[in-house]
Every structure is written in structure tokens, then in C-alpha cells.
Amino acid sequence: MDLLFTDVVLPGGLTGAQLAAQAKAICPSLKVLFTTGYARNSIIHHGRLDKGVQLIVKPFSFNELAAKVRDVLDQA
């Protein structure tokens, strides 16, 4: 497993950050890319994500998503 792509807000009370933490506990080298329909500043400043996380804001094109996934996977 190389990459987890998850929304910031998930149904059922679990957040994307919580899901990522659980997945990284199993696979520490896992890279995570979050998505959201909310503005980046809103998500970060309201404590939903830590600064420096990888995020792509909806709506995005397939090409934008592909480029972002490649960028995240290529990071050391």
C-alpha cells in the first residue's frame, strides 16, 4: 500500500485524519492525500488538519488529481 486518498470529513463520526492515523499505525510509510470541498484555509485554521498535510480541494480535474498523486508519491 503506497497512498491513502481520503476526504477530510467522513460519515459516521470518523475523520479522514483519524483514518489516516489508523492506517499509518499499520503501514508507517503510507503517504496520505486528503481532499475536501471546503477551502484549504478553513480546514487548516479550524484544526481539522495539521499544517503541512497534502490536500487537494474539490472540484479538481482528473489531470490535477493525477499530478497531485504523483507529487505525493514522489516525496521522500
N, C-alpha and C. Protein backbone atom coordinates (compact mmCIF):
# COMPACT_ATOMS: atom_id res chain seq x y z
N MET A 1 0.86 -1.17 0.00
CA MET A 1 0.00 0.00 0.00
C MET A 1 0.91 1.24 0.00
N ASP A 2 0.66 2.15 -0.94
CA ASP A 2 1.51 3.33 -1.07
C ASP A 2 0.83 4.63 -0.67
N LEU A 3 -0.48 4.73 -0.95
CA LEU A 3 -1.17 6.00 -0.77
C LEU A 3 -2.60 5.78 -0.28
N LEU A 4 -2.98 6.58 0.69
CA LEU A 4 -4.38 6.65 1.13
C LEU A 4 -4.92 7.98 0.65
N PHE A 5 -6.03 7.93 -0.09
CA PHE A 5 -6.71 9.13 -0.57
C PHE A 5 -8.05 9.18 0.13
N THR A 6 -8.25 10.19 0.97
CA THR A 6 -9.47 10.25 1.78
C THR A 6 -9.98 11.67 1.91
N ASP A 7 -11.27 11.77 2.10
CA ASP A 7 -11.87 13.07 2.38
C ASP A 7 -11.54 13.47 3.81
N VAL A 8 -11.53 14.75 4.08
CA VAL A 8 -11.30 15.24 5.43
C VAL A 8 -12.47 14.88 6.33
N VAL A 9 -13.67 15.03 5.82
CA VAL A 9 -14.89 14.76 6.59
C VAL A 9 -15.51 13.47 6.07
N LEU A 10 -15.70 12.51 6.96
CA LEU A 10 -16.28 11.22 6.60
C LEU A 10 -17.58 11.01 7.37
N PRO A 11 -18.48 10.21 6.85
CA PRO A 11 -19.71 9.92 7.57
C PRO A 11 -19.43 9.00 8.77
N GLY A 12 -20.29 9.04 9.73
CA GLY A 12 -20.18 8.11 10.85
C GLY A 12 -19.28 8.54 11.98
N GLY A 13 -18.83 9.79 11.97
CA GLY A 13 -18.05 10.30 13.10
C GLY A 13 -16.55 10.16 12.97
N LEU A 14 -16.06 9.33 12.05
CA LEU A 14 -14.62 9.18 11.84
C LEU A 14 -14.15 10.27 10.90
N THR A 15 -13.01 10.88 11.18
CA THR A 15 -12.46 11.90 10.28
C THR A 15 -11.40 11.28 9.39
N GLY A 16 -11.08 11.95 8.32
CA GLY A 16 -10.01 11.49 7.46
C GLY A 16 -8.69 11.42 8.20
N ALA A 17 -8.45 12.37 9.09
CA ALA A 17 -7.21 12.37 9.88
C ALA A 17 -7.15 11.15 10.80
N GLN A 18 -8.27 10.77 11.39
CA GLN A 18 -8.30 9.58 12.24
C GLN A 18 -8.07 8.31 11.41
N LEU A 19 -8.70 8.25 10.25
CA LEU A 19 -8.50 7.12 9.35
C LEU A 19 -7.03 7.02 8.96
N ALA A 20 -6.43 8.15 8.62
CA ALA A 20 -5.02 8.17 8.23
C ALA A 20 -4.12 7.70 9.37
N ALA A 21 -4.41 8.13 10.58
CA ALA A 21 -3.61 7.72 11.75
C ALA A 21 -3.70 6.21 11.96
N GLN A 22 -4.90 5.66 11.81
CA GLN A 22 -5.08 4.21 11.97
C GLN A 22 -4.33 3.46 10.88
N ALA A 23 -4.42 3.94 9.64
CA ALA A 23 -3.74 3.28 8.53
C ALA A 23 -2.23 3.37 8.68
N LYS A 24 -1.72 4.52 9.13
CA LYS A 24 -0.29 4.70 9.30
C LYS A 24 0.25 3.87 10.47
N ALA A 25 -0.60 3.53 11.41
CA ALA A 25 -0.19 2.65 12.51
C ALA A 25 0.11 1.25 11.97
N ILE A 26 -0.61 0.86 10.91
CA ILE A 26 -0.40 -0.44 10.28
C ILE A 26 0.75 -0.37 9.27
N CYS A 27 0.81 0.74 8.56
CA CYS A 27 1.81 0.92 7.50
C CYS A 27 2.45 2.31 7.65
N PRO A 28 3.48 2.43 8.47
CA PRO A 28 4.06 3.75 8.76
C PRO A 28 4.56 4.53 7.56
N SER A 29 4.94 3.85 6.49
CA SER A 29 5.45 4.55 5.32
C SER A 29 4.35 5.05 4.39
N LEU A 30 3.11 4.80 4.76
CA LEU A 30 1.97 5.19 3.94
C LEU A 30 1.93 6.70 3.75
N LYS A 31 1.71 7.13 2.53
CA LYS A 31 1.53 8.55 2.25
C LYS A 31 0.04 8.82 2.18
N VAL A 32 -0.34 10.03 2.56
CA VAL A 32 -1.76 10.37 2.65
C VAL A 32 -2.04 11.64 1.87
N LEU A 33 -3.11 11.59 1.09
CA LEU A 33 -3.60 12.76 0.37
C LEU A 33 -5.05 12.96 0.77
N PHE A 34 -5.34 14.13 1.29
CA PHE A 34 -6.70 14.46 1.70
C PHE A 34 -7.39 15.28 0.62
N THR A 35 -8.70 15.19 0.58
CA THR A 35 -9.49 16.05 -0.28
C THR A 35 -10.63 16.63 0.55
N THR A 36 -11.15 17.76 0.07
CA THR A 36 -12.26 18.41 0.75
C THR A 36 -12.93 19.38 -0.21
N GLY A 37 -14.18 19.65 0.08
CA GLY A 37 -14.91 20.66 -0.66
C GLY A 37 -14.81 22.02 0.01
N TYR A 38 -14.21 22.05 1.20
CA TYR A 38 -14.03 23.29 1.94
C TYR A 38 -12.74 23.96 1.51
N ALA A 39 -12.65 25.24 1.72
CA ALA A 39 -11.42 25.97 1.39
C ALA A 39 -10.28 25.49 2.27
N ARG A 40 -9.08 25.43 1.71
CA ARG A 40 -7.90 24.97 2.43
C ARG A 40 -7.69 25.72 3.74
N ASN A 41 -7.79 27.05 3.71
CA ASN A 41 -7.57 27.84 4.92
C ASN A 41 -8.60 27.52 5.99
N SER A 42 -9.83 27.29 5.60
CA SER A 42 -10.88 26.95 6.56
C SER A 42 -10.58 25.63 7.26
N ILE A 43 -10.17 24.64 6.50
CA ILE A 43 -9.86 23.33 7.06
C ILE A 43 -8.68 23.41 8.01
N ILE A 44 -7.61 24.05 7.59
CA ILE A 44 -6.40 24.11 8.41
C ILE A 44 -6.60 24.97 9.64
N HIS A 45 -7.21 26.13 9.49
CA HIS A 45 -7.34 27.04 10.62
C HIS A 45 -8.39 26.62 11.64
N HIS A 46 -9.25 25.72 11.29
CA HIS A 46 -10.23 25.22 12.25
C HIS A 46 -9.79 23.90 12.87
N GLY A 47 -8.52 23.56 12.71
CA GLY A 47 -7.95 22.42 13.40
C GLY A 47 -8.32 21.07 12.83
N ARG A 48 -8.87 21.03 11.64
CA ARG A 48 -9.26 19.73 11.08
C ARG A 48 -8.06 18.98 10.50
N LEU A 49 -7.04 19.71 10.07
CA LEU A 49 -5.82 19.09 9.54
C LEU A 49 -4.61 19.85 10.07
N ASP A 50 -3.54 19.12 10.25
CA ASP A 50 -2.29 19.76 10.66
C ASP A 50 -1.68 20.49 9.47
N LYS A 51 -0.94 21.53 9.76
CA LYS A 51 -0.24 22.25 8.70
C LYS A 51 0.74 21.30 8.04
N GLY A 52 0.92 21.49 6.74
CA GLY A 52 1.86 20.67 6.01
C GLY A 52 1.28 19.40 5.41
N VAL A 53 0.01 19.11 5.68
CA VAL A 53 -0.59 17.92 5.09
C VAL A 53 -0.81 18.13 3.60
N GLN A 54 -0.90 17.04 2.88
CA GLN A 54 -1.16 17.10 1.45
C GLN A 54 -2.67 17.16 1.24
N LEU A 55 -3.12 18.17 0.50
CA LEU A 55 -4.55 18.41 0.33
C LEU A 55 -4.84 18.86 -1.09
N ILE A 56 -5.91 18.32 -1.67
CA ILE A 56 -6.41 18.80 -2.95
C ILE A 56 -7.87 19.19 -2.73
N VAL A 57 -8.22 20.40 -3.15
CA VAL A 57 -9.55 20.94 -2.88
C VAL A 57 -10.47 20.67 -4.06
N LYS A 58 -11.67 20.20 -3.74
CA LYS A 58 -12.69 19.94 -4.77
C LYS A 58 -13.26 21.27 -5.24
N PRO A 59 -13.69 21.37 -6.46
CA PRO A 59 -13.58 20.35 -7.50
C PRO A 59 -12.19 20.37 -8.12
N PHE A 60 -11.76 19.22 -8.59
CA PHE A 60 -10.47 19.12 -9.27
C PHE A 60 -10.65 18.26 -10.52
N SER A 61 -9.80 18.48 -11.48
CA SER A 61 -9.86 17.69 -12.71
C SER A 61 -9.07 16.39 -12.51
N PHE A 62 -9.27 15.47 -13.40
CA PHE A 62 -8.51 14.23 -13.36
C PHE A 62 -7.01 14.52 -13.48
N ASN A 63 -6.65 15.44 -14.35
CA ASN A 63 -5.23 15.78 -14.53
C ASN A 63 -4.65 16.41 -13.27
N GLU A 64 -5.41 17.26 -12.59
CA GLU A 64 -4.94 17.85 -11.33
C GLU A 64 -4.75 16.78 -10.27
N LEU A 65 -5.70 15.86 -10.19
CA LEU A 65 -5.59 14.76 -9.22
C LEU A 65 -4.39 13.89 -9.54
N ALA A 66 -4.23 13.53 -10.79
CA ALA A 66 -3.10 12.68 -11.19
C ALA A 66 -1.77 13.35 -10.85
N ALA A 67 -1.66 14.64 -11.11
CA ALA A 67 -0.43 15.38 -10.81
C ALA A 67 -0.17 15.43 -9.31
N LYS A 68 -1.22 15.64 -8.53
CA LYS A 68 -1.07 15.71 -7.08
C LYS A 68 -0.68 14.35 -6.50
N VAL A 69 -1.31 13.29 -6.98
CA VAL A 69 -0.96 11.94 -6.53
C VAL A 69 0.50 11.66 -6.85
N ARG A 70 0.93 11.98 -8.07
CA ARG A 70 2.32 11.75 -8.46
C ARG A 70 3.25 12.54 -7.55
N ASP A 71 2.91 13.79 -7.25
CA ASP A 71 3.71 14.65 -6.37
C ASP A 71 3.84 14.04 -4.98
N VAL A 72 2.74 13.57 -4.43
CA VAL A 72 2.75 12.98 -3.09
C VAL A 72 3.59 11.69 -3.09
N LEU A 73 3.40 10.86 -4.09
CA LEU A 73 4.14 9.60 -4.14
C LEU A 73 5.64 9.82 -4.34
N ASP A 74 6.01 10.90 -5.02
CA ASP A 74 7.42 11.17 -5.29
C ASP A 74 8.15 11.81 -4.12
N GLN A 75 7.42 12.26 -3.12
CA GLN A 75 8.07 12.90 -1.97
C GLN A 75 8.82 11.86 -1.14
N ALA A 76 9.97 12.27 -0.65
CA ALA A 76 10.80 11.36 0.16
C ALA A 76 10.16 11.06 1.49
